[in-house]
Structure formats: structure tokens, C-alpha cells
Amino acid sequence: MQATKIIKTGIKIAVVIITLLAGFQSAHSNVAASSPETTTNLLDGITLDSSLSPEDVTYLATTLQLLRDQLPEWAQYVQDSKPFTLIVDTREGDKGREAIANCCDTQGRGTITLGHHLGYSVDANTPEAQQAMFIGTLIHELAHVRDQRAGRASKTSFKSCVTAEKSGLDKQLDVKRAMATLNLGYGYRQALDQQITSEAKALQSRELWDFYCGAFDK
């Protein structure tokens, strides 16, 4: 009986994996396969903390490949933001934080701490939504890295906090709107439409700015 349960469980897991892989392959049918050399080049300038799993690294490389092949201007944005370090700290995710950016160390290297492993945001429920969410988050946090590196992101008041956060949120929307112009398939189109509408509306809400900047007096 126990053996039968194990076999059934294994079959269920295999079906889930095959389904996800099939959807992933379909969504990226026009993205060229990455060679080891290409992947290495894409990850050049990014320090991968030991908190990232091998699956995280693969997810990151695949995402950067998608940007390079489909949105080269945004791939260049990532390239121009290097060097930076990626860390996963699920304790930040437990506090409701998608990601945090800090810059810079003595070498000018920024750090992005993600609150969850790549592709596991609680705010997305499909593989396409997860990848759109990750791309938006990555670009958002890199905007903060670039601003901090250039001395543009000092948060000393509610107003300066809004200015700093709006820089990242605007870039997050910009890259998703750029993705929405591509023919990536229905799953991406549906996810992007939902995220873009929600995020554009949130930018106009008092609640969003109270969440980001409520620690400062207005």
C-alpha cells in the first residue's frame, strides 16, 4: 500500500513538472537556446550568493536570455547596472518584502536581496506571471542600485522617499509595457495586462506611498 502511494505521488509530481516544462517551452518557442558560453556571458558581472539554488541560477540565466533576445534595450539596462550581487533571504519575504536594493560597496557593487526563490512570488500564480513579476522586480531594484550609485536616492523625507521609490516603480512598469508589445503568447499577455493595470492604478493610491514611505512625516 505504501509503495503504491509513493508511485502515485511520483506520477503526480512528474505530471506537474512536464506541464510546467511544456508551458515554458511554448512561451519561449522563439527564444534561442542558451549555450554554456552564452549563459556565462549573461551572468558576467553578477555575483550569485550561495543562498541561490541551482534552479535559481538557471531561472536567472533563462530570464536574461529572454531579455537579450526579445528586449535588447532592457538587457542592456541590466548590463549597464553591473556589478551587482543577488541574494535570496526568505525572511524578507515573510515580512512581505519582494526585494530590497542597496548600493554600493567599495567596488561600486550593488546588492539585491530577494524575499523568495526565483519564480516563487506569492503575488503570481502562473509561470508566465512569475517571470513577468521577476523581470519587473529585477528592473525595479536595479533602478534603485543605479540611483544610489549616482547619489540620487537619498530618503530623508516623505517627498524624497516617494521620488526614490517612484523611480523603481516607473521602470518596473516600463519593462512590463515593453514585454506586452511582444508576441509571447496568451499566458504572458494575460499576466502582463493584469500586472500593468494593477501597478499603474497603485501608483495613484495613497496606500502605496504610505506603505513605502509611511515612516517619514508628510
Protein backbone atom coordinates (compact mmCIF):
# COMPACT_ATOMS: atom_id res chain seq x y z
CA MET A 1 0.00 0.00 0.00
CA GLN A 2 2.80 2.42 0.97
CA ALA A 3 4.67 1.61 -2.25
CA THR A 4 1.51 2.31 -4.27
CA LYS A 5 1.12 5.73 -2.61
CA ILE A 6 4.74 6.58 -3.35
CA ILE A 7 4.33 5.59 -7.01
CA LYS A 8 1.14 7.67 -7.34
CA THR A 9 2.82 10.65 -5.72
CA GLY A 10 5.78 10.31 -8.08
CA ILE A 11 3.45 10.22 -11.07
CA LYS A 12 1.64 13.38 -9.90
CA ILE A 13 4.94 15.22 -9.45
CA ALA A 14 6.13 14.12 -12.89
CA VAL A 15 2.89 15.35 -14.49
CA VAL A 16 3.28 18.76 -12.82
CA ILE A 17 6.89 19.05 -13.98
CA ILE A 18 6.03 18.02 -17.54
CA THR A 19 3.14 20.51 -17.64
CA LEU A 20 5.33 23.38 -16.43
CA LEU A 21 8.09 22.49 -18.88
CA ALA A 22 5.63 22.29 -21.76
CA GLY A 23 4.20 25.71 -20.94
CA PHE A 24 7.66 27.17 -20.52
CA GLN A 25 8.82 25.74 -23.86
CA SER A 26 5.73 27.09 -25.62
CA ALA A 27 6.13 30.59 -24.16
CA HIS A 28 9.76 30.72 -25.27
CA SER A 29 9.49 28.97 -28.62
CA ASN A 30 11.13 31.91 -30.40
CA VAL A 31 13.93 32.38 -27.85
CA ALA A 32 17.24 30.81 -28.92
CA ALA A 33 18.64 28.03 -26.76
CA SER A 34 21.45 29.12 -24.45
CA SER A 35 24.88 27.64 -24.88
CA PRO A 36 27.09 27.35 -21.77
CA GLU A 37 29.24 30.18 -23.15
CA THR A 38 26.19 32.44 -23.68
CA THR A 39 24.91 31.75 -20.18
CA THR A 40 28.31 32.56 -18.68
CA ASN A 41 28.41 35.86 -20.55
CA LEU A 42 24.91 36.79 -19.42
CA LEU A 43 25.83 36.17 -15.79
CA ASP A 44 29.13 38.02 -16.04
CA GLY A 45 29.26 40.84 -13.51
CA ILE A 46 26.58 39.26 -11.30
CA THR A 47 27.78 37.70 -8.05
CA LEU A 48 25.49 34.82 -7.11
CA ASP A 49 25.27 34.31 -3.37
CA SER A 50 25.26 30.74 -2.05
CA SER A 51 21.64 31.30 -0.97
CA LEU A 52 20.63 30.92 -4.63
CA SER A 53 19.82 27.36 -5.64
CA PRO A 54 20.95 25.83 -8.97
CA GLU A 55 17.32 26.28 -10.10
CA ASP A 56 17.54 29.98 -9.24
CA VAL A 57 20.66 30.35 -11.38
CA THR A 58 19.02 28.58 -14.31
CA TYR A 59 15.91 30.75 -13.93
CA LEU A 60 18.02 33.90 -13.91
CA ALA A 61 20.01 32.86 -16.98
CA THR A 62 16.82 31.98 -18.87
CA THR A 63 15.28 35.33 -17.97
CA LEU A 64 18.35 37.26 -19.09
CA GLN A 65 18.34 35.25 -22.33
CA LEU A 66 14.71 36.26 -22.91
CA LEU A 67 15.58 39.92 -22.40
CA ARG A 68 18.60 39.71 -24.67
CA ASP A 69 16.68 38.04 -27.48
CA GLN A 70 13.37 39.89 -27.19
CA LEU A 71 14.12 43.21 -25.45
CA PRO A 72 17.79 44.03 -26.08
CA GLU A 73 17.43 47.57 -24.70
CA TRP A 74 16.38 46.13 -21.34
CA ALA A 75 19.13 43.51 -21.48
CA GLN A 76 21.49 46.45 -21.90
CA TYR A 77 19.88 48.13 -18.90
CA VAL A 78 20.80 45.08 -16.81
CA GLN A 79 24.29 45.03 -18.31
CA ASP A 80 24.85 48.71 -17.53
CA SER A 81 23.72 48.14 -13.93
CA LYS A 82 26.52 45.67 -13.20
CA PRO A 83 28.31 44.81 -11.00
CA PHE A 84 25.72 43.61 -8.52
CA THR A 85 25.09 40.70 -6.17
CA LEU A 86 21.92 38.62 -5.89
CA ILE A 87 20.89 37.13 -2.56
CA VAL A 88 17.80 35.16 -1.50
CA ASP A 89 16.58 35.73 2.05
CA THR A 90 13.14 34.26 2.67
CA ARG A 91 12.93 36.09 6.00
CA GLU A 92 12.41 39.28 3.99
CA GLY A 93 9.65 37.57 2.04
CA ASP A 94 7.99 36.58 5.31
CA LYS A 95 7.82 40.30 6.10
CA GLY A 96 6.05 40.97 2.80
CA ARG A 97 9.11 42.32 1.01
CA GLU A 98 9.55 41.25 -2.60
CA ALA A 99 13.10 42.60 -2.77
CA ILE A 100 15.49 45.19 -1.32
CA ALA A 101 18.33 47.01 -3.08
CA ASN A 102 21.44 48.55 -1.55
CA CYS A 103 24.41 50.24 -3.16
CA CYS A 104 27.27 50.38 -3.06
CA ASP A 105 30.34 48.67 -1.62
CA THR A 106 33.88 49.96 -2.15
CA GLN A 107 33.95 48.40 -5.62
CA GLY A 108 30.68 50.08 -6.59
CA ARG A 109 28.81 46.78 -6.41
CA GLY A 110 25.11 46.88 -5.59
CA THR A 111 23.18 44.17 -3.76
CA ILE A 112 19.65 42.94 -4.42
CA THR A 113 18.12 40.74 -1.74
CA LEU A 114 15.09 38.78 -2.96
CA GLY A 115 12.46 37.68 -0.47
CA HIS A 116 11.88 34.33 -2.18
CA HIS A 117 13.50 31.96 -4.62
CA LEU A 118 13.16 32.93 -8.27
CA GLY A 119 9.76 32.07 -9.71
CA TYR A 120 8.07 31.70 -6.31
CA SER A 121 6.47 35.10 -5.71
CA VAL A 122 3.23 34.84 -3.72
CA ASP A 123 1.82 37.58 -5.99
CA ALA A 124 1.85 35.48 -9.17
CA ASN A 125 0.03 32.22 -9.89
CA THR A 126 1.26 31.07 -13.34
CA PRO A 127 4.75 30.52 -14.79
CA GLU A 128 4.21 33.48 -17.13
CA ALA A 129 3.04 35.73 -14.30
CA GLN A 130 6.02 34.64 -12.21
CA GLN A 131 8.52 35.54 -14.90
CA ALA A 132 6.85 38.89 -15.66
CA MET A 133 6.89 39.60 -11.91
CA PHE A 134 10.57 38.68 -11.62
CA ILE A 135 11.60 40.79 -14.60
CA GLY A 136 9.71 43.76 -13.19
CA THR A 137 11.26 43.26 -9.75
CA LEU A 138 14.77 42.91 -11.14
CA ILE A 139 14.49 46.10 -13.20
CA HIS A 140 12.85 47.92 -10.27
CA GLU A 141 15.68 47.07 -7.90
CA LEU A 142 18.36 47.79 -10.49
CA ALA A 143 16.85 51.26 -10.88
CA HIS A 144 17.45 51.76 -7.15
CA VAL A 145 21.01 50.43 -7.48
CA ARG A 146 21.73 52.86 -10.31
CA ASP A 147 20.14 55.79 -8.48
CA GLN A 148 22.04 55.06 -5.28
CA ARG A 149 25.28 54.62 -7.20
CA ALA A 150 24.72 58.05 -8.79
CA GLY A 151 23.77 59.65 -5.45
CA ARG A 152 20.16 60.24 -6.50
CA ALA A 153 18.28 58.15 -3.94
CA SER A 154 18.59 59.82 -0.56
CA LYS A 155 15.47 59.22 1.55
CA THR A 156 15.30 61.99 4.13
CA SER A 157 11.61 62.92 3.90
CA PHE A 158 8.28 61.62 2.63
CA LYS A 159 8.74 63.56 -0.62
CA SER A 160 12.28 62.31 -1.28
CA CYS A 161 11.18 58.77 -0.42
CA VAL A 162 8.34 58.96 -2.97
CA THR A 163 10.77 60.27 -5.60
CA ALA A 164 13.21 57.42 -4.94
CA GLU A 165 10.57 54.69 -4.93
CA LYS A 166 8.74 56.07 -7.96
CA SER A 167 11.94 55.72 -9.98
CA GLY A 168 11.90 51.95 -9.45
CA LEU A 169 8.15 51.57 -9.88
CA ASP A 170 8.19 53.53 -13.15
CA LYS A 171 10.94 51.32 -14.56
CA GLN A 172 9.05 48.23 -13.41
CA LEU A 173 6.01 49.38 -15.39
CA ASP A 174 8.11 50.39 -18.40
CA VAL A 175 9.66 46.96 -18.84
CA LYS A 176 6.30 45.20 -18.48
CA ARG A 177 4.73 47.52 -21.04
CA ALA A 178 7.61 46.70 -23.37
CA MET A 179 7.01 42.98 -22.81
CA ALA A 180 3.33 43.49 -23.60
CA THR A 181 4.26 44.58 -27.14
CA LEU A 182 5.83 41.19 -27.85
CA ASN A 183 4.12 38.07 -29.12
CA LEU A 184 4.93 35.85 -26.13
CA GLY A 185 1.60 34.05 -26.05
CA TYR A 186 -1.73 34.31 -24.26
CA GLY A 187 -0.38 33.43 -20.80
CA TYR A 188 2.08 36.31 -20.87
CA ARG A 189 -0.44 38.72 -22.35
CA GLN A 190 -2.98 37.93 -19.64
CA ALA A 191 -0.41 38.19 -16.83
CA LEU A 192 1.07 41.43 -18.15
CA ASP A 193 -2.33 43.06 -18.65
CA GLN A 194 -3.27 42.28 -15.06
CA GLN A 195 0.03 43.41 -13.58
CA ILE A 196 0.26 46.60 -15.63
CA THR A 197 -3.31 47.64 -14.80
CA SER A 198 -2.86 46.90 -11.11
CA GLU A 199 0.51 48.62 -10.79
CA ALA A 200 -0.49 51.72 -12.75
CA LYS A 201 -3.54 52.12 -10.52
CA ALA A 202 -1.46 51.59 -7.37
CA LEU A 203 0.87 54.44 -8.35
CA GLN A 204 -2.07 56.81 -7.88
CA SER A 205 -3.08 55.44 -4.50
CA ARG A 206 -2.29 56.90 -1.09
CA GLU A 207 -1.97 53.39 0.33
CA LEU A 208 1.03 52.57 -1.86
CA TRP A 209 3.01 55.59 -0.76
CA ASP A 210 2.06 55.10 2.87
CA PHE A 211 3.39 51.55 2.55
CA TYR A 212 6.71 52.62 1.06
CA CYS A 213 7.23 55.94 2.80
CA GLY A 214 4.91 55.96 5.83
CA ALA A 215 7.92 56.05 8.17
CA PHE A 216 8.54 59.66 7.12
CA ASP A 217 6.44 62.64 8.19
CA LYS A 218 4.43 64.15 5.35
